[in-house]
Amino acid sequence: MSKYEERVYISSGNAKKSIAAMRNQLAMLKRDVEQYSARKPGGPMVMALKEQIRKLEGEIADAEANKKREREARAAQDSEIGGTGEDGQSRGGLRSTSSRFPPRRRGP
């Protein structure tokens, strides 16, 4: 990658990017590829951008898979911790509001 490309398409080394930010960058790169290929299909920028797009798509797929694994692990941990009590009712989570508020008045 040339110095110009590095300045235009900044890629930080260890910074954790959000999936939304990566998708945004992917959309920008795809738009740039379309513009460059419309002007000059065999230009050097097109190949560099396509390489960067492939790399970014891989990063997005990895981040989504990681997020899914973390969510499943968290759900499994919550089910172990939260579980159900001896009386069969769930512990933690959402509670009923009936004990905290009186019933509504009905009629005139």
N, C-alpha and C. Protein backbone atom coordinates (compact mmCIF):
# COMPACT_ATOMS: atom_id res chain seq x y z
N MET A 1 0.85 -1.17 0.00
CA MET A 1 0.00 0.00 0.00
C MET A 1 0.90 1.24 0.00
N SER A 2 0.60 2.18 -0.85
CA SER A 2 1.42 3.39 -0.94
C SER A 2 1.12 4.34 0.21
N LYS A 3 1.95 5.37 0.36
CA LYS A 3 1.75 6.34 1.43
C LYS A 3 0.43 7.07 1.26
N TYR A 4 0.06 7.35 0.01
CA TYR A 4 -1.20 8.04 -0.25
C TYR A 4 -2.37 7.19 0.25
N GLU A 5 -2.35 5.91 -0.08
CA GLU A 5 -3.43 5.02 0.35
C GLU A 5 -3.49 4.92 1.86
N GLU A 6 -2.34 4.89 2.51
CA GLU A 6 -2.32 4.81 3.96
C GLU A 6 -2.91 6.06 4.59
N ARG A 7 -2.68 7.20 3.98
CA ARG A 7 -3.25 8.44 4.52
C ARG A 7 -4.75 8.50 4.28
N VAL A 8 -5.20 8.04 3.12
CA VAL A 8 -6.62 8.12 2.80
C VAL A 8 -7.41 7.09 3.58
N TYR A 9 -6.92 5.86 3.60
CA TYR A 9 -7.63 4.77 4.27
C TYR A 9 -6.86 4.37 5.52
N ILE A 10 -7.12 5.10 6.58
CA ILE A 10 -6.41 4.90 7.83
C ILE A 10 -6.86 3.58 8.44
N SER A 11 -5.89 2.76 8.79
CA SER A 11 -6.22 1.52 9.48
C SER A 11 -5.38 1.47 10.74
N SER A 12 -6.06 1.52 11.88
CA SER A 12 -5.35 1.50 13.15
C SER A 12 -5.02 0.06 13.50
N GLY A 13 -3.94 -0.14 14.19
CA GLY A 13 -3.44 -1.47 14.46
C GLY A 13 -4.29 -2.27 15.44
N ASN A 14 -4.35 -1.84 16.69
CA ASN A 14 -4.97 -2.65 17.73
C ASN A 14 -6.31 -2.09 18.20
N ALA A 15 -6.74 -0.99 17.66
CA ALA A 15 -7.99 -0.38 18.11
C ALA A 15 -9.17 -1.26 17.72
N LYS A 16 -10.05 -1.51 18.68
CA LYS A 16 -11.22 -2.34 18.42
C LYS A 16 -12.32 -1.46 17.83
N LYS A 17 -12.70 -1.77 16.61
CA LYS A 17 -13.73 -0.99 15.94
C LYS A 17 -15.09 -1.64 16.14
N SER A 18 -16.11 -0.84 16.13
CA SER A 18 -17.45 -1.39 16.22
C SER A 18 -17.85 -1.96 14.86
N ILE A 19 -18.78 -2.88 14.88
CA ILE A 19 -19.23 -3.52 13.64
C ILE A 19 -19.88 -2.48 12.75
N ALA A 20 -20.61 -1.56 13.33
CA ALA A 20 -21.27 -0.52 12.54
C ALA A 20 -20.24 0.37 11.83
N ALA A 21 -19.16 0.71 12.54
CA ALA A 21 -18.11 1.54 11.93
C ALA A 21 -17.42 0.79 10.80
N MET A 22 -17.20 -0.52 11.00
CA MET A 22 -16.58 -1.31 9.94
C MET A 22 -17.49 -1.42 8.72
N ARG A 23 -18.78 -1.59 8.95
CA ARG A 23 -19.73 -1.65 7.82
C ARG A 23 -19.77 -0.32 7.08
N ASN A 24 -19.70 0.77 7.83
CA ASN A 24 -19.66 2.10 7.22
C ASN A 24 -18.44 2.24 6.33
N GLN A 25 -17.30 1.82 6.85
CA GLN A 25 -16.06 1.91 6.08
C GLN A 25 -16.13 1.02 4.85
N LEU A 26 -16.75 -0.16 4.98
CA LEU A 26 -16.90 -1.07 3.86
C LEU A 26 -17.75 -0.44 2.76
N ALA A 27 -18.83 0.22 3.15
CA ALA A 27 -19.68 0.88 2.17
C ALA A 27 -18.92 1.99 1.45
N MET A 28 -18.12 2.73 2.19
CA MET A 28 -17.32 3.80 1.56
C MET A 28 -16.31 3.22 0.58
N LEU A 29 -15.66 2.13 0.97
CA LEU A 29 -14.67 1.51 0.09
C LEU A 29 -15.32 0.97 -1.18
N LYS A 30 -16.49 0.36 -1.05
CA LYS A 30 -17.19 -0.17 -2.23
C LYS A 30 -17.59 0.97 -3.17
N ARG A 31 -18.04 2.07 -2.58
CA ARG A 31 -18.41 3.24 -3.40
C ARG A 31 -17.18 3.78 -4.13
N ASP A 32 -16.04 3.81 -3.43
CA ASP A 32 -14.80 4.29 -4.04
C ASP A 32 -14.35 3.38 -5.18
N VAL A 33 -14.49 2.07 -4.99
CA VAL A 33 -14.11 1.13 -6.04
C VAL A 33 -14.96 1.37 -7.29
N GLU A 34 -16.25 1.58 -7.08
CA GLU A 34 -17.14 1.85 -8.23
C GLU A 34 -16.69 3.11 -8.97
N GLN A 35 -16.36 4.15 -8.22
CA GLN A 35 -15.94 5.40 -8.85
C GLN A 35 -14.62 5.24 -9.61
N TYR A 36 -13.65 4.58 -8.97
CA TYR A 36 -12.36 4.39 -9.64
C TYR A 36 -12.47 3.48 -10.85
N SER A 37 -13.26 2.41 -10.74
CA SER A 37 -13.38 1.49 -11.86
C SER A 37 -14.16 2.12 -13.02
N ALA A 38 -15.04 3.07 -12.72
CA ALA A 38 -15.75 3.76 -13.79
C ALA A 38 -14.80 4.67 -14.57
N ARG A 39 -13.85 5.26 -13.87
CA ARG A 39 -12.89 6.15 -14.53
C ARG A 39 -11.79 5.37 -15.24
N LYS A 40 -11.19 4.43 -14.50
CA LYS A 40 -10.05 3.70 -15.03
C LYS A 40 -10.07 2.28 -14.46
N PRO A 41 -10.68 1.32 -15.17
CA PRO A 41 -10.87 -0.03 -14.63
C PRO A 41 -9.59 -0.76 -14.25
N GLY A 42 -8.50 -0.54 -14.94
CA GLY A 42 -7.27 -1.26 -14.65
C GLY A 42 -6.31 -0.49 -13.78
N GLY A 43 -6.78 0.53 -13.11
CA GLY A 43 -5.90 1.39 -12.31
C GLY A 43 -5.37 0.68 -11.07
N PRO A 44 -4.28 1.19 -10.53
CA PRO A 44 -3.66 0.55 -9.35
C PRO A 44 -4.51 0.69 -8.08
N MET A 45 -5.32 1.72 -8.00
CA MET A 45 -6.13 1.92 -6.79
C MET A 45 -7.23 0.87 -6.69
N VAL A 46 -7.75 0.41 -7.81
CA VAL A 46 -8.86 -0.54 -7.79
C VAL A 46 -8.44 -1.84 -7.10
N MET A 47 -7.28 -2.36 -7.46
CA MET A 47 -6.82 -3.61 -6.85
C MET A 47 -6.55 -3.45 -5.35
N ALA A 48 -5.96 -2.33 -4.97
CA ALA A 48 -5.68 -2.08 -3.56
C ALA A 48 -6.98 -1.96 -2.76
N LEU A 49 -7.96 -1.28 -3.33
CA LEU A 49 -9.25 -1.13 -2.65
C LEU A 49 -9.97 -2.47 -2.52
N LYS A 50 -9.92 -3.28 -3.59
CA LYS A 50 -10.58 -4.60 -3.53
C LYS A 50 -9.92 -5.48 -2.48
N GLU A 51 -8.61 -5.39 -2.35
CA GLU A 51 -7.90 -6.16 -1.32
C GLU A 51 -8.34 -5.70 0.07
N GLN A 52 -8.44 -4.41 0.24
CA GLN A 52 -8.86 -3.86 1.54
C GLN A 52 -10.31 -4.25 1.85
N ILE A 53 -11.17 -4.29 0.82
CA ILE A 53 -12.56 -4.70 1.01
C ILE A 53 -12.62 -6.15 1.48
N ARG A 54 -11.86 -7.03 0.85
CA ARG A 54 -11.85 -8.44 1.27
C ARG A 54 -11.39 -8.58 2.72
N LYS A 55 -10.35 -7.83 3.08
CA LYS A 55 -9.84 -7.88 4.45
C LYS A 55 -10.89 -7.38 5.44
N LEU A 56 -11.55 -6.30 5.09
CA LEU A 56 -12.56 -5.72 5.98
C LEU A 56 -13.77 -6.63 6.11
N GLU A 57 -14.18 -7.29 5.03
CA GLU A 57 -15.30 -8.24 5.11
C GLU A 57 -14.95 -9.39 6.05
N GLY A 58 -13.70 -9.85 5.99
CA GLY A 58 -13.26 -10.90 6.92
C GLY A 58 -13.30 -10.43 8.36
N GLU A 59 -12.86 -9.20 8.60
CA GLU A 59 -12.89 -8.65 9.96
C GLU A 59 -14.32 -8.53 10.48
N ILE A 60 -15.23 -8.12 9.61
CA ILE A 60 -16.64 -7.98 10.01
C ILE A 60 -17.21 -9.36 10.35
N ALA A 61 -16.93 -10.35 9.52
CA ALA A 61 -17.42 -11.70 9.79
C ALA A 61 -16.87 -12.23 11.12
N ASP A 62 -15.60 -12.00 11.38
CA ASP A 62 -14.99 -12.43 12.64
C ASP A 62 -15.62 -11.71 13.83
N ALA A 63 -15.84 -10.41 13.69
CA ALA A 63 -16.43 -9.63 14.79
C ALA A 63 -17.85 -10.09 15.07
N GLU A 64 -18.63 -10.37 14.02
CA GLU A 64 -20.00 -10.84 14.23
C GLU A 64 -20.02 -12.21 14.88
N ALA A 65 -19.12 -13.10 14.46
CA ALA A 65 -19.05 -14.42 15.06
C ALA A 65 -18.63 -14.32 16.53
N ASN A 66 -17.68 -13.43 16.81
CA ASN A 66 -17.24 -13.21 18.19
C ASN A 66 -18.38 -12.68 19.04
N LYS A 67 -19.13 -11.75 18.51
CA LYS A 67 -20.25 -11.16 19.24
C LYS A 67 -21.31 -12.22 19.53
N LYS A 68 -21.55 -13.09 18.55
CA LYS A 68 -22.54 -14.15 18.73
C LYS A 68 -22.09 -15.13 19.80
N ARG A 69 -20.80 -15.50 19.79
CA ARG A 69 -20.27 -16.42 20.81
C ARG A 69 -20.38 -15.80 22.20
N GLU A 70 -20.04 -14.51 22.31
CA GLU A 70 -20.12 -13.84 23.60
C GLU A 70 -21.56 -13.79 24.10
N ARG A 71 -22.51 -13.52 23.20
CA ARG A 71 -23.92 -13.44 23.57
C ARG A 71 -24.41 -14.81 24.05
N GLU A 72 -24.02 -15.89 23.34
CA GLU A 72 -24.43 -17.23 23.74
C GLU A 72 -23.81 -17.62 25.08
N ALA A 73 -22.55 -17.26 25.28
CA ALA A 73 -21.89 -17.57 26.55
C ALA A 73 -22.55 -16.81 27.69
N ARG A 74 -22.88 -15.55 27.45
CA ARG A 74 -23.54 -14.74 28.47
C ARG A 74 -24.92 -15.32 28.80
N ALA A 75 -25.64 -15.77 27.77
CA ALA A 75 -26.97 -16.34 28.00
C ALA A 75 -26.85 -17.64 28.79
N ALA A 76 -25.85 -18.46 28.47
CA ALA A 76 -25.64 -19.70 29.21
C ALA A 76 -25.28 -19.41 30.65
N GLN A 77 -24.44 -18.39 30.87
CA GLN A 77 -24.04 -18.04 32.23
C GLN A 77 -25.24 -17.49 33.00
N ASP A 78 -26.06 -16.67 32.35
CA ASP A 78 -27.25 -16.13 33.02
C ASP A 78 -28.22 -17.23 33.39
N SER A 79 -28.37 -18.22 32.52
CA SER A 79 -29.31 -19.30 32.82
C SER A 79 -28.80 -20.14 33.98
N GLU A 80 -27.47 -20.29 34.10
CA GLU A 80 -26.92 -21.02 35.24
C GLU A 80 -27.11 -20.23 36.53
N ILE A 81 -26.87 -18.94 36.48
CA ILE A 81 -26.99 -18.10 37.67
C ILE A 81 -28.44 -17.83 38.00
N GLY A 82 -29.21 -17.38 36.99
CA GLY A 82 -30.60 -16.99 37.21
C GLY A 82 -31.48 -18.18 37.52
N GLY A 83 -31.45 -19.17 36.67
CA GLY A 83 -32.18 -20.42 36.85
C GLY A 83 -33.57 -20.27 37.41
N THR A 84 -34.06 -21.32 38.04
CA THR A 84 -35.35 -21.27 38.70
C THR A 84 -35.18 -21.65 40.15
N GLY A 85 -36.03 -21.12 40.99
CA GLY A 85 -35.96 -21.40 42.42
C GLY A 85 -36.65 -22.71 42.75
N GLU A 86 -36.75 -23.03 44.07
CA GLU A 86 -37.37 -24.28 44.49
C GLU A 86 -38.85 -24.32 44.16
N ASP A 87 -39.50 -23.15 44.17
CA ASP A 87 -40.94 -23.11 43.91
C ASP A 87 -41.26 -23.07 42.42
N GLY A 88 -40.26 -23.14 41.56
CA GLY A 88 -40.50 -23.19 40.12
C GLY A 88 -40.55 -21.82 39.45
N GLN A 89 -40.51 -20.76 40.25
CA GLN A 89 -40.54 -19.42 39.66
C GLN A 89 -39.12 -18.98 39.35
N SER A 90 -38.99 -18.14 38.32
CA SER A 90 -37.66 -17.69 37.94
C SER A 90 -37.15 -16.66 38.93
N ARG A 91 -35.84 -16.72 39.19
CA ARG A 91 -35.20 -15.74 40.06
C ARG A 91 -34.61 -14.65 39.19
N GLY A 92 -34.56 -13.45 39.67
CA GLY A 92 -33.98 -12.35 38.91
C GLY A 92 -34.88 -12.00 37.73
N GLY A 93 -34.33 -11.26 36.77
CA GLY A 93 -35.09 -10.92 35.58
C GLY A 93 -36.24 -9.99 35.86
N LEU A 94 -37.32 -10.13 35.14
CA LEU A 94 -38.49 -9.26 35.28
C LEU A 94 -39.35 -9.70 36.45
N ARG A 95 -39.90 -8.71 37.16
CA ARG A 95 -40.78 -9.00 38.29
C ARG A 95 -42.18 -8.52 38.00
N SER A 96 -43.11 -9.10 38.67
CA SER A 96 -44.49 -8.68 38.53
C SER A 96 -44.70 -7.35 39.25
N THR A 97 -45.54 -6.51 38.70
CA THR A 97 -45.81 -5.22 39.34
C THR A 97 -47.05 -5.27 40.21
N SER A 98 -47.75 -6.40 40.26
CA SER A 98 -49.01 -6.46 41.00
C SER A 98 -48.82 -6.22 42.49
N SER A 99 -47.71 -6.59 43.05
CA SER A 99 -47.51 -6.39 44.48
C SER A 99 -47.12 -4.96 44.82
N ARG A 100 -46.71 -4.19 43.84
CA ARG A 100 -46.26 -2.83 44.11
C ARG A 100 -47.33 -1.77 43.87
N PHE A 101 -48.35 -2.08 43.10
CA PHE A 101 -49.38 -1.10 42.78
C PHE A 101 -50.76 -1.67 43.12
N PRO A 102 -51.63 -0.82 43.65
CA PRO A 102 -53.00 -1.29 43.93
C PRO A 102 -53.75 -1.50 42.62
N PRO A 103 -54.82 -2.30 42.65
CA PRO A 103 -55.59 -2.51 41.42
C PRO A 103 -56.29 -1.22 40.98
N ARG A 104 -56.56 -1.12 39.68
CA ARG A 104 -57.26 0.06 39.16
C ARG A 104 -58.71 0.06 39.60
N ARG A 105 -59.23 1.30 39.75
CA ARG A 105 -60.65 1.43 40.08
C ARG A 105 -61.46 1.20 38.83
N ARG A 106 -62.55 0.54 38.96
CA ARG A 106 -63.44 0.32 37.83
C ARG A 106 -64.78 0.97 38.12
N GLY A 107 -65.40 1.47 37.09
CA GLY A 107 -66.73 2.06 37.24
C GLY A 107 -66.67 3.55 37.47
N PRO A 108 -67.84 4.15 37.71
CA PRO A 108 -67.93 5.61 37.85
C PRO A 108 -67.49 6.14 39.16
